[in-house]
All heavy atoms as atom14 arrays in JSON, in Angstrom:
{
  "sequence": "LSLPAADVSPYARDGVVEELGPDRCRLILGSWSWPGLAAAIGRFDAD",
  "atom14_mask": [
    [1, 1, 1, 1, 1, 1, 1, 1, 0, 0, 0, 0, 0, 0],
    [1, 1, 1, 1, 1, 1, 0, 0, 0, 0, 0, 0, 0, 0],
    [1, 1, 1, 1, 1, 1, 1, 1, 0, 0, 0, 0, 0, 0],
    [1, 1, 1, 1, 1, 1, 1, 0, 0, 0, 0, 0, 0, 0],
    [1, 1, 1, 1, 1, 0, 0, 0, 0, 0, 0, 0, 0, 0],
    [1, 1, 1, 1, 1, 0, 0, 0, 0, 0, 0, 0, 0, 0],
    [1, 1, 1, 1, 1, 1, 1, 1, 0, 0, 0, 0, 0, 0],
    [1, 1, 1, 1, 1, 1, 1, 0, 0, 0, 0, 0, 0, 0],
    [1, 1, 1, 1, 1, 1, 0, 0, 0, 0, 0, 0, 0, 0],
    [1, 1, 1, 1, 1, 1, 1, 0, 0, 0, 0, 0, 0, 0],
    [1, 1, 1, 1, 1, 1, 1, 1, 1, 1, 1, 1, 0, 0],
    [1, 1, 1, 1, 1, 0, 0, 0, 0, 0, 0, 0, 0, 0],
    [1, 1, 1, 1, 1, 1, 1, 1, 1, 1, 1, 0, 0, 0],
    [1, 1, 1, 1, 1, 1, 1, 1, 0, 0, 0, 0, 0, 0],
    [1, 1, 1, 1, 0, 0, 0, 0, 0, 0, 0, 0, 0, 0],
    [1, 1, 1, 1, 1, 1, 1, 0, 0, 0, 0, 0, 0, 0],
    [1, 1, 1, 1, 1, 1, 1, 0, 0, 0, 0, 0, 0, 0],
    [1, 1, 1, 1, 1, 1, 1, 1, 1, 0, 0, 0, 0, 0],
    [1, 1, 1, 1, 1, 1, 1, 1, 1, 0, 0, 0, 0, 0],
    [1, 1, 1, 1, 1, 1, 1, 1, 0, 0, 0, 0, 0, 0],
    [1, 1, 1, 1, 0, 0, 0, 0, 0, 0, 0, 0, 0, 0],
    [1, 1, 1, 1, 1, 1, 1, 0, 0, 0, 0, 0, 0, 0],
    [1, 1, 1, 1, 1, 1, 1, 1, 0, 0, 0, 0, 0, 0],
    [1, 1, 1, 1, 1, 1, 1, 1, 1, 1, 1, 0, 0, 0],
    [1, 1, 1, 1, 1, 1, 0, 0, 0, 0, 0, 0, 0, 0],
    [1, 1, 1, 1, 1, 1, 1, 1, 1, 1, 1, 0, 0, 0],
    [1, 1, 1, 1, 1, 1, 1, 1, 0, 0, 0, 0, 0, 0],
    [1, 1, 1, 1, 1, 1, 1, 1, 0, 0, 0, 0, 0, 0],
    [1, 1, 1, 1, 1, 1, 1, 1, 0, 0, 0, 0, 0, 0],
    [1, 1, 1, 1, 0, 0, 0, 0, 0, 0, 0, 0, 0, 0],
    [1, 1, 1, 1, 1, 1, 0, 0, 0, 0, 0, 0, 0, 0],
    [1, 1, 1, 1, 1, 1, 1, 1, 1, 1, 1, 1, 1, 1],
    [1, 1, 1, 1, 1, 1, 0, 0, 0, 0, 0, 0, 0, 0],
    [1, 1, 1, 1, 1, 1, 1, 1, 1, 1, 1, 1, 1, 1],
    [1, 1, 1, 1, 1, 1, 1, 0, 0, 0, 0, 0, 0, 0],
    [1, 1, 1, 1, 0, 0, 0, 0, 0, 0, 0, 0, 0, 0],
    [1, 1, 1, 1, 1, 1, 1, 1, 0, 0, 0, 0, 0, 0],
    [1, 1, 1, 1, 1, 0, 0, 0, 0, 0, 0, 0, 0, 0],
    [1, 1, 1, 1, 1, 0, 0, 0, 0, 0, 0, 0, 0, 0],
    [1, 1, 1, 1, 1, 0, 0, 0, 0, 0, 0, 0, 0, 0],
    [1, 1, 1, 1, 1, 1, 1, 1, 0, 0, 0, 0, 0, 0],
    [1, 1, 1, 1, 0, 0, 0, 0, 0, 0, 0, 0, 0, 0],
    [1, 1, 1, 1, 1, 1, 1, 1, 1, 1, 1, 0, 0, 0],
    [1, 1, 1, 1, 1, 1, 1, 1, 1, 1, 1, 0, 0, 0],
    [1, 1, 1, 1, 1, 1, 1, 1, 0, 0, 0, 0, 0, 0],
    [1, 1, 1, 1, 1, 0, 0, 0, 0, 0, 0, 0, 0, 0],
    [1, 1, 1, 1, 1, 1, 1, 1, 0, 0, 0, 0, 0, 0]
  ],
  "atom14_positions": [
    [[3.32, -20.55, -15.87], [3.16, -19.95, -17.19], [4.25, -20.39, -18.06], [5.45, -20.56, -17.65], [3.21, -18.39, -17.05], [2.14, -17.71, -16.18], [2.41, -16.21, -16.19], [0.75, -18.0, -16.79], [0.0, 0.0, 0.0], [0.0, 0.0, 0.0], [0.0, 0.0, 0.0], [0.0, 0.0, 0.0], [0.0, 0.0, 0.0], [0.0, 0.0, 0.0]],
    [[3.98, -20.58, -19.37], [4.93, -21.03, -20.38], [5.59, -19.7, -20.89], [5.49, -19.35, -22.12], [4.27, -21.77, -21.48], [3.72, -23.03, -20.93], [0.0, 0.0, 0.0], [0.0, 0.0, 0.0], [0.0, 0.0, 0.0], [0.0, 0.0, 0.0], [0.0, 0.0, 0.0], [0.0, 0.0, 0.0], [0.0, 0.0, 0.0], [0.0, 0.0, 0.0]],
    [[6.27, -18.98, -20.04], [6.98, -17.76, -20.35], [8.19, -17.64, -19.5], [8.24, -18.16, -18.4], [6.02, -16.52, -20.08], [5.07, -16.14, -21.15], [4.2, -14.94, -20.71], [5.67, -15.84, -22.52], [0.0, 0.0, 0.0], [0.0, 0.0, 0.0], [0.0, 0.0, 0.0], [0.0, 0.0, 0.0], [0.0, 0.0, 0.0], [0.0, 0.0, 0.0]],
    [[9.31, -16.96, -19.98], [10.45, -16.71, -19.16], [10.06, -15.76, -18.01], [9.2, -14.91, -18.15], [11.42, -16.07, -20.16], [10.98, -16.43, -21.53], [9.47, -16.56, -21.41], [0.0, 0.0, 0.0], [0.0, 0.0, 0.0], [0.0, 0.0, 0.0], [0.0, 0.0, 0.0], [0.0, 0.0, 0.0], [0.0, 0.0, 0.0], [0.0, 0.0, 0.0]],
    [[10.63, -16.01, -16.83], [10.38, -15.14, -15.69], [10.68, -13.74, -16.02], [9.94, -12.81, -15.49], [11.26, -15.64, -14.53], [0.0, 0.0, 0.0], [0.0, 0.0, 0.0], [0.0, 0.0, 0.0], [0.0, 0.0, 0.0], [0.0, 0.0, 0.0], [0.0, 0.0, 0.0], [0.0, 0.0, 0.0], [0.0, 0.0, 0.0], [0.0, 0.0, 0.0]],
    [[11.68, -13.38, -16.89], [12.05, -11.98, -17.18], [10.92, -11.36, -17.95], [10.77, -10.11, -17.87], [13.33, -12.01, -17.93], [0.0, 0.0, 0.0], [0.0, 0.0, 0.0], [0.0, 0.0, 0.0], [0.0, 0.0, 0.0], [0.0, 0.0, 0.0], [0.0, 0.0, 0.0], [0.0, 0.0, 0.0], [0.0, 0.0, 0.0], [0.0, 0.0, 0.0]],
    [[10.12, -12.09, -18.63], [8.97, -11.44, -19.4], [7.77, -11.25, -18.47], [6.9, -10.43, -18.83], [8.63, -12.3, -20.54], [9.63, -12.47, -21.63], [10.62, -11.63, -21.61], [9.55, -13.35, -22.48], [0.0, 0.0, 0.0], [0.0, 0.0, 0.0], [0.0, 0.0, 0.0], [0.0, 0.0, 0.0], [0.0, 0.0, 0.0], [0.0, 0.0, 0.0]],
    [[7.63, -12.02, -17.3], [6.48, -11.87, -16.53], [6.69, -10.88, -15.41], [5.83, -10.07, -15.06], [6.1, -13.22, -15.95], [4.97, -13.15, -14.9], [5.81, -14.2, -17.03], [0.0, 0.0, 0.0], [0.0, 0.0, 0.0], [0.0, 0.0, 0.0], [0.0, 0.0, 0.0], [0.0, 0.0, 0.0], [0.0, 0.0, 0.0], [0.0, 0.0, 0.0]],
    [[7.87, -10.81, -14.82], [8.23, -9.9, -13.69], [7.78, -8.48, -13.8], [7.2, -7.92, -12.86], [9.76, -10.13, -13.31], [10.04, -11.33, -12.87], [0.0, 0.0, 0.0], [0.0, 0.0, 0.0], [0.0, 0.0, 0.0], [0.0, 0.0, 0.0], [0.0, 0.0, 0.0], [0.0, 0.0, 0.0], [0.0, 0.0, 0.0], [0.0, 0.0, 0.0]],
    [[8.02, -7.89, -14.96], [7.67, -6.48, -15.07], [6.27, -6.15, -14.99], [5.79, -5.05, -14.64], [8.25, -6.0, -16.44], [9.28, -6.99, -16.76], [8.82, -8.29, -16.15], [0.0, 0.0, 0.0], [0.0, 0.0, 0.0], [0.0, 0.0, 0.0], [0.0, 0.0, 0.0], [0.0, 0.0, 0.0], [0.0, 0.0, 0.0], [0.0, 0.0, 0.0]],
    [[5.36, -7.18, -15.1], [3.93, -6.95, -15.15], [3.25, -7.75, -13.97], [2.06, -7.77, -14.04], [3.37, -7.39, -16.52], [4.09, -6.8, -17.62], [5.01, -7.57, -18.36], [3.88, -5.52, -18.03], [5.74, -6.98, -19.45], [4.52, -4.92, -19.15], [5.47, -5.76, -19.83], [6.12, -5.14, -20.91], [0.0, 0.0, 0.0], [0.0, 0.0, 0.0]],
    [[4.01, -8.19, -13.02], [3.45, -9.03, -11.96], [2.91, -8.18, -10.79], [2.52, -8.77, -9.76], [4.39, -10.09, -11.57], [0.0, 0.0, 0.0], [0.0, 0.0, 0.0], [0.0, 0.0, 0.0], [0.0, 0.0, 0.0], [0.0, 0.0, 0.0], [0.0, 0.0, 0.0], [0.0, 0.0, 0.0], [0.0, 0.0, 0.0], [0.0, 0.0, 0.0]],
    [[3.09, -6.86, -10.88], [2.75, -6.02, -9.71], [3.42, -6.42, -8.46], [4.59, -6.54, -8.39], [1.17, -5.88, -9.55], [0.48, -5.4, -10.8], [-1.05, -5.1, -10.46], [-1.74, -6.12, -9.74], [-2.36, -7.05, -10.19], [-2.45, -7.27, -11.6], [-3.05, -7.93, -9.46], [0.0, 0.0, 0.0], [0.0, 0.0, 0.0], [0.0, 0.0, 0.0]],
    [[2.66, -6.82, -7.42], [3.17, -7.27, -6.15], [3.24, -8.76, -6.07], [3.39, -9.32, -5.05], [2.45, -6.67, -4.99], [0.9, -7.05, -5.06], [0.53, -7.57, -6.11], [0.22, -6.77, -4.05], [0.0, 0.0, 0.0], [0.0, 0.0, 0.0], [0.0, 0.0, 0.0], [0.0, 0.0, 0.0], [0.0, 0.0, 0.0], [0.0, 0.0, 0.0]],
    [[3.16, -9.4, -7.24], [3.23, -10.89, -7.28], [4.61, -11.4, -7.12], [5.6, -10.69, -7.12], [0.0, 0.0, 0.0], [0.0, 0.0, 0.0], [0.0, 0.0, 0.0], [0.0, 0.0, 0.0], [0.0, 0.0, 0.0], [0.0, 0.0, 0.0], [0.0, 0.0, 0.0], [0.0, 0.0, 0.0], [0.0, 0.0, 0.0], [0.0, 0.0, 0.0]],
    [[4.72, -12.68, -6.93], [6.0, -13.43, -6.82], [6.26, -14.28, -8.04], [5.38, -15.04, -8.45], [6.03, -14.34, -5.54], [7.38, -15.06, -5.45], [5.79, -13.48, -4.35], [0.0, 0.0, 0.0], [0.0, 0.0, 0.0], [0.0, 0.0, 0.0], [0.0, 0.0, 0.0], [0.0, 0.0, 0.0], [0.0, 0.0, 0.0], [0.0, 0.0, 0.0]],
    [[7.42, -14.06, -8.68], [7.75, -14.75, -9.91], [8.96, -15.61, -9.71], [10.0, -15.07, -9.17], [7.99, -13.76, -11.05], [8.32, -14.59, -12.37], [6.79, -12.91, -11.34], [0.0, 0.0, 0.0], [0.0, 0.0, 0.0], [0.0, 0.0, 0.0], [0.0, 0.0, 0.0], [0.0, 0.0, 0.0], [0.0, 0.0, 0.0], [0.0, 0.0, 0.0]],
    [[8.84, -16.87, -9.97], [9.99, -17.78, -9.79], [10.37, -18.49, -11.07], [9.54, -19.07, -11.73], [9.7, -18.91, -8.72], [10.71, -19.88, -8.55], [10.26, -21.08, -7.57], [9.14, -20.89, -7.0], [11.03, -22.04, -7.43], [0.0, 0.0, 0.0], [0.0, 0.0, 0.0], [0.0, 0.0, 0.0], [0.0, 0.0, 0.0], [0.0, 0.0, 0.0]],
    [[11.56, -18.41, -11.49], [12.03, -19.05, -12.69], [12.11, -20.57, -12.57], [12.69, -21.1, -11.69], [13.46, -18.48, -13.08], [13.94, -19.04, -14.36], [15.28, -18.43, -14.89], [15.77, -17.56, -14.15], [15.77, -18.85, -15.87], [0.0, 0.0, 0.0], [0.0, 0.0, 0.0], [0.0, 0.0, 0.0], [0.0, 0.0, 0.0], [0.0, 0.0, 0.0]],
    [[11.56, -21.26, -13.55], [11.48, -22.71, -13.5], [12.37, -23.34, -14.7], [12.47, -24.61, -14.75], [10.05, -23.24, -13.54], [9.16, -22.89, -12.37], [7.75, -23.47, -12.61], [9.74, -23.32, -11.1], [0.0, 0.0, 0.0], [0.0, 0.0, 0.0], [0.0, 0.0, 0.0], [0.0, 0.0, 0.0], [0.0, 0.0, 0.0], [0.0, 0.0, 0.0]],
    [[12.73, -22.52, -15.61], [13.44, -22.94, -16.82], [13.49, -21.82, -17.84], [12.99, -20.64, -17.51], [0.0, 0.0, 0.0], [0.0, 0.0, 0.0], [0.0, 0.0, 0.0], [0.0, 0.0, 0.0], [0.0, 0.0, 0.0], [0.0, 0.0, 0.0], [0.0, 0.0, 0.0], [0.0, 0.0, 0.0], [0.0, 0.0, 0.0], [0.0, 0.0, 0.0]],
    [[14.06, -21.99, -18.99], [14.21, -20.91, -19.88], [12.88, -20.39, -20.35], [12.78, -19.23, -20.79], [15.0, -21.58, -21.03], [14.82, -23.06, -20.91], [14.66, -23.29, -19.46], [0.0, 0.0, 0.0], [0.0, 0.0, 0.0], [0.0, 0.0, 0.0], [0.0, 0.0, 0.0], [0.0, 0.0, 0.0], [0.0, 0.0, 0.0], [0.0, 0.0, 0.0]],
    [[11.85, -21.18, -20.42], [10.54, -20.77, -20.83], [9.43, -21.05, -19.96], [8.21, -21.23, -20.42], [10.2, -21.38, -22.28], [11.22, -20.97, -23.38], [11.51, -19.72, -23.45], [11.79, -21.79, -24.03], [0.0, 0.0, 0.0], [0.0, 0.0, 0.0], [0.0, 0.0, 0.0], [0.0, 0.0, 0.0], [0.0, 0.0, 0.0], [0.0, 0.0, 0.0]],
    [[9.61, -21.2, -18.68], [8.6, -21.55, -17.71], [8.92, -20.82, -16.41], [10.03, -20.55, -16.06], [8.51, -23.04, -17.44], [8.16, -23.85, -18.55], [8.11, -25.38, -18.19], [6.95, -25.76, -17.41], [6.95, -26.18, -16.17], [8.12, -26.31, -15.58], [5.83, -26.56, -15.57], [0.0, 0.0, 0.0], [0.0, 0.0, 0.0], [0.0, 0.0, 0.0]],
    [[7.85, -20.3, -15.72], [7.96, -19.66, -14.46], [6.78, -19.86, -13.66], [5.68, -20.18, -14.16], [8.33, -18.21, -14.64], [6.85, -17.25, -15.27], [0.0, 0.0, 0.0], [0.0, 0.0, 0.0], [0.0, 0.0, 0.0], [0.0, 0.0, 0.0], [0.0, 0.0, 0.0], [0.0, 0.0, 0.0], [0.0, 0.0, 0.0], [0.0, 0.0, 0.0]],
    [[6.93, -19.75, -12.31], [5.87, -19.88, -11.34], [5.43, -18.45, -10.95], [6.22, -17.6, -10.7], [6.35, -20.64, -10.12], [5.17, -20.85, -9.09], [5.69, -21.41, -7.76], [6.62, -22.48, -8.05], [6.34, -23.79, -8.23], [5.04, -24.12, -8.23], [7.22, -24.75, -8.55], [0.0, 0.0, 0.0], [0.0, 0.0, 0.0], [0.0, 0.0, 0.0]],
    [[4.05, -18.24, -10.96], [3.54, -16.86, -10.62], [2.48, -17.05, -9.5], [1.59, -17.82, -9.6], [2.89, -16.25, -11.8], [2.07, -14.9, -11.58], [3.0, -13.84, -11.04], [1.26, -14.58, -12.77], [0.0, 0.0, 0.0], [0.0, 0.0, 0.0], [0.0, 0.0, 0.0], [0.0, 0.0, 0.0], [0.0, 0.0, 0.0], [0.0, 0.0, 0.0]],
    [[2.78, -16.34, -8.35], [1.83, -16.28, -7.27], [1.27, -14.84, -7.24], [2.1, -13.88, -7.08], [2.55, -16.63, -5.91], [3.1, -18.0, -6.05], [1.56, -16.46, -4.76], [3.87, -18.4, -4.76], [0.0, 0.0, 0.0], [0.0, 0.0, 0.0], [0.0, 0.0, 0.0], [0.0, 0.0, 0.0], [0.0, 0.0, 0.0], [0.0, 0.0, 0.0]],
    [[0.01, -14.68, -7.33], [-0.56, -13.26, -7.57], [-1.84, -13.26, -6.77], [-2.5, -14.26, -6.53], [-0.85, -13.08, -9.06], [-1.12, -11.64, -9.49], [0.1, -10.76, -9.32], [-1.51, -11.68, -10.98], [0.0, 0.0, 0.0], [0.0, 0.0, 0.0], [0.0, 0.0, 0.0], [0.0, 0.0, 0.0], [0.0, 0.0, 0.0], [0.0, 0.0, 0.0]],
    [[-2.26, -12.02, -6.4], [-3.42, -11.76, -5.62], [-4.36, -10.84, -6.32], [-3.98, -10.02, -7.24], [0.0, 0.0, 0.0], [0.0, 0.0, 0.0], [0.0, 0.0, 0.0], [0.0, 0.0, 0.0], [0.0, 0.0, 0.0], [0.0, 0.0, 0.0], [0.0, 0.0, 0.0], [0.0, 0.0, 0.0], [0.0, 0.0, 0.0], [0.0, 0.0, 0.0]],
    [[-5.7, -10.86, -6.0], [-6.65, -9.92, -6.62], [-7.82, -9.84, -5.66], [-7.89, -10.48, -4.64], [-7.12, -10.44, -7.89], [-8.0, -9.52, -8.52], [0.0, 0.0, 0.0], [0.0, 0.0, 0.0], [0.0, 0.0, 0.0], [0.0, 0.0, 0.0], [0.0, 0.0, 0.0], [0.0, 0.0, 0.0], [0.0, 0.0, 0.0], [0.0, 0.0, 0.0]],
    [[-8.79, -8.94, -6.02], [-9.93, -8.76, -5.18], [-11.03, -9.78, -5.38], [-11.95, -9.8, -4.61], [-10.47, -7.35, -5.51], [-10.69, -7.11, -6.95], [-9.85, -6.56, -7.82], [-11.9, -7.35, -7.73], [-10.36, -6.49, -9.07], [-11.69, -6.9, -8.96], [-13.22, -7.86, -7.36], [-12.6, -7.11, -9.97], [-14.12, -7.98, -8.35], [-13.84, -7.58, -9.74]],
    [[-10.91, -10.59, -6.39], [-11.88, -11.69, -6.63], [-11.23, -12.74, -7.47], [-10.16, -12.57, -8.15], [-13.17, -11.2, -7.26], [-12.86, -10.84, -8.7], [0.0, 0.0, 0.0], [0.0, 0.0, 0.0], [0.0, 0.0, 0.0], [0.0, 0.0, 0.0], [0.0, 0.0, 0.0], [0.0, 0.0, 0.0], [0.0, 0.0, 0.0], [0.0, 0.0, 0.0]],
    [[-11.8, -13.96, -7.43], [-11.21, -14.99, -8.24], [-11.34, -14.83, -9.74], [-10.38, -15.05, -10.4], [-11.84, -16.38, -7.78], [-11.47, -16.8, -6.42], [-12.33, -16.9, -5.36], [-10.19, -17.15, -5.98], [-11.67, -17.24, -4.22], [-10.31, -17.46, -4.55], [-8.98, -17.22, -6.54], [-9.31, -17.85, -3.79], [-7.9, -17.62, -5.73], [-7.99, -17.94, -4.32]],
    [[-12.52, -14.38, -10.23], [-12.59, -14.04, -11.63], [-11.57, -12.98, -11.98], [-10.95, -12.99, -13.06], [-14.05, -13.56, -11.87], [-14.77, -14.3, -10.82], [-13.85, -14.36, -9.65], [0.0, 0.0, 0.0], [0.0, 0.0, 0.0], [0.0, 0.0, 0.0], [0.0, 0.0, 0.0], [0.0, 0.0, 0.0], [0.0, 0.0, 0.0], [0.0, 0.0, 0.0]],
    [[-11.42, -11.91, -11.09], [-10.48, -10.85, -11.37], [-9.05, -11.42, -11.45], [-8.24, -10.98, -12.25], [0.0, 0.0, 0.0], [0.0, 0.0, 0.0], [0.0, 0.0, 0.0], [0.0, 0.0, 0.0], [0.0, 0.0, 0.0], [0.0, 0.0, 0.0], [0.0, 0.0, 0.0], [0.0, 0.0, 0.0], [0.0, 0.0, 0.0], [0.0, 0.0, 0.0]],
    [[-8.71, -12.36, -10.54], [-7.38, -12.93, -10.53], [-7.16, -13.75, -11.88], [-6.15, -13.65, -12.55], [-7.24, -13.79, -9.36], [-5.83, -14.57, -9.23], [-4.72, -13.6, -9.24], [-5.82, -15.41, -7.92], [0.0, 0.0, 0.0], [0.0, 0.0, 0.0], [0.0, 0.0, 0.0], [0.0, 0.0, 0.0], [0.0, 0.0, 0.0], [0.0, 0.0, 0.0]],
    [[-8.19, -14.53, -12.29], [-8.09, -15.36, -13.47], [-7.87, -14.4, -14.66], [-7.09, -14.7, -15.61], [-9.3, -16.26, -13.64], [0.0, 0.0, 0.0], [0.0, 0.0, 0.0], [0.0, 0.0, 0.0], [0.0, 0.0, 0.0], [0.0, 0.0, 0.0], [0.0, 0.0, 0.0], [0.0, 0.0, 0.0], [0.0, 0.0, 0.0], [0.0, 0.0, 0.0]],
    [[-8.6, -13.27, -14.7], [-8.48, -12.42, -15.85], [-7.06, -11.75, -15.9], [-6.53, -11.54, -16.91], [-9.53, -11.3, -15.76], [0.0, 0.0, 0.0], [0.0, 0.0, 0.0], [0.0, 0.0, 0.0], [0.0, 0.0, 0.0], [0.0, 0.0, 0.0], [0.0, 0.0, 0.0], [0.0, 0.0, 0.0], [0.0, 0.0, 0.0], [0.0, 0.0, 0.0]],
    [[-6.51, -11.42, -14.63], [-5.19, -10.79, -14.6], [-4.2, -11.73, -15.09], [-3.25, -11.38, -15.82], [-4.95, -10.39, -13.2], [0.0, 0.0, 0.0], [0.0, 0.0, 0.0], [0.0, 0.0, 0.0], [0.0, 0.0, 0.0], [0.0, 0.0, 0.0], [0.0, 0.0, 0.0], [0.0, 0.0, 0.0], [0.0, 0.0, 0.0], [0.0, 0.0, 0.0]],
    [[-4.29, -13.03, -14.76], [-3.36, -13.99, -15.25], [-3.52, -14.29, -16.74], [-2.54, -14.53, -17.47], [-3.5, -15.37, -14.42], [-3.14, -15.09, -12.93], [-2.59, -16.42, -15.03], [-3.4, -16.3, -12.06], [0.0, 0.0, 0.0], [0.0, 0.0, 0.0], [0.0, 0.0, 0.0], [0.0, 0.0, 0.0], [0.0, 0.0, 0.0], [0.0, 0.0, 0.0]],
    [[-4.78, -14.2, -17.16], [-4.99, -14.47, -18.57], [-4.48, -13.51, -19.59], [-4.35, -13.69, -20.7], [0.0, 0.0, 0.0], [0.0, 0.0, 0.0], [0.0, 0.0, 0.0], [0.0, 0.0, 0.0], [0.0, 0.0, 0.0], [0.0, 0.0, 0.0], [0.0, 0.0, 0.0], [0.0, 0.0, 0.0], [0.0, 0.0, 0.0], [0.0, 0.0, 0.0]],
    [[-4.09, -12.35, -19.02], [-3.51, -11.33, -19.95], [-2.13, -11.61, -20.44], [-1.61, -11.06, -21.35], [-3.5, -9.9, -19.32], [-2.59, -9.82, -18.03], [-3.0, -8.62, -17.21], [-2.26, -8.61, -16.0], [-1.04, -7.94, -15.78], [-0.51, -7.35, -16.8], [-0.42, -8.06, -14.62], [0.0, 0.0, 0.0], [0.0, 0.0, 0.0], [0.0, 0.0, 0.0]],
    [[-1.48, -12.6, -19.73], [-0.14, -13.14, -20.17], [-0.44, -14.05, -21.38], [-1.24, -14.97, -21.29], [0.62, -13.86, -19.15], [1.01, -12.94, -17.96], [0.24, -12.95, -16.82], [2.07, -12.11, -18.12], [0.73, -12.14, -15.74], [2.53, -11.31, -17.07], [1.81, -11.27, -15.85], [0.0, 0.0, 0.0], [0.0, 0.0, 0.0], [0.0, 0.0, 0.0]],
    [[0.15, -13.8, -22.58], [-0.01, -14.61, -23.69], [0.74, -15.83, -23.59], [1.82, -15.98, -24.21], [0.37, -13.73, -24.93], [0.0, -14.42, -26.25], [-0.82, -15.41, -26.22], [0.43, -14.03, -27.35], [0.0, 0.0, 0.0], [0.0, 0.0, 0.0], [0.0, 0.0, 0.0], [0.0, 0.0, 0.0], [0.0, 0.0, 0.0], [0.0, 0.0, 0.0]],
    [[0.2, -16.84, -22.89], [0.96, -18.05, -22.64], [-0.02, -19.1, -22.14], [-1.06, -18.85, -21.69], [2.11, -17.85, -21.62], [0.0, 0.0, 0.0], [0.0, 0.0, 0.0], [0.0, 0.0, 0.0], [0.0, 0.0, 0.0], [0.0, 0.0, 0.0], [0.0, 0.0, 0.0], [0.0, 0.0, 0.0], [0.0, 0.0, 0.0], [0.0, 0.0, 0.0]],
    [[0.42, -20.39, -22.3], [-0.31, -21.46, -21.7], [-0.22, -21.39, -20.16], [0.77, -20.94, -19.58], [0.33, -22.83, -22.14], [0.07, -23.1, -23.63], [-0.91, -22.48, -24.19], [0.78, -23.82, -24.27], [0.0, 0.0, 0.0], [0.0, 0.0, 0.0], [0.0, 0.0, 0.0], [0.0, 0.0, 0.0], [0.0, 0.0, 0.0], [0.0, 0.0, 0.0]]
  ]
}
Protein backbone atom coordinates (compact mmCIF):
# COMPACT_ATOMS: atom_id res chain seq x y z
CA LEU A 1 0.00 0.00 0.00
CA SER A 2 1.14 3.57 -0.69
CA LEU A 3 0.58 4.54 2.92
CA PRO A 4 2.78 4.78 6.05
CA ALA A 5 2.65 1.67 8.21
CA ALA A 6 1.51 3.82 11.14
CA ASP A 7 -1.64 4.77 9.20
CA VAL A 8 -2.48 1.15 8.32
CA SER A 9 -1.70 -0.73 11.56
CA PRO A 10 -4.65 0.59 13.63
CA TYR A 11 -7.11 -0.76 11.04
CA ALA A 12 -5.40 -4.01 10.06
CA ARG A 13 -7.26 -6.17 12.64
CA ASP A 14 -5.18 -9.37 12.94
CA GLY A 15 -3.16 -8.58 9.81
CA VAL A 16 0.61 -8.10 9.58
CA VAL A 17 1.94 -4.65 8.63
CA GLU A 18 5.58 -4.14 7.62
CA GLU A 19 7.11 -0.72 6.98
CA LEU A 20 8.82 -0.42 3.60
CA GLY A 21 9.49 3.32 3.62
CA PRO A 22 8.03 6.63 4.74
CA ASP A 23 4.97 6.20 2.49
CA ARG A 24 4.87 2.47 1.72
CA CYS A 25 4.06 -0.66 3.70
CA ARG A 26 3.41 -4.34 3.22
CA LEU A 27 0.04 -5.72 4.42
CA ILE A 28 -0.76 -9.41 4.89
CA LEU A 29 -4.44 -9.87 5.68
CA GLY A 30 -7.05 -12.64 5.79
CA SER A 31 -10.78 -12.85 5.14
CA TRP A 32 -13.61 -15.31 4.61
CA SER A 33 -13.55 -14.89 0.79
CA TRP A 34 -11.32 -13.38 -1.88
CA PRO A 35 -13.81 -10.63 -2.82
CA GLY A 36 -14.22 -9.92 0.90
CA LEU A 37 -10.44 -9.63 1.27
CA ALA A 38 -10.18 -7.34 -1.77
CA ALA A 39 -12.94 -5.13 -0.41
CA ALA A 40 -11.25 -4.96 3.02
CA ILE A 41 -7.98 -3.86 1.43
CA GLY A 42 -9.78 -1.42 -0.85
CA ARG A 43 -11.04 0.60 2.09
CA PHE A 44 -7.53 2.01 2.51
CA ASP A 45 -7.41 5.20 0.46
CA ALA A 46 -4.18 4.39 -1.35
CA ASP A 47 -2.70 2.80 -4.47
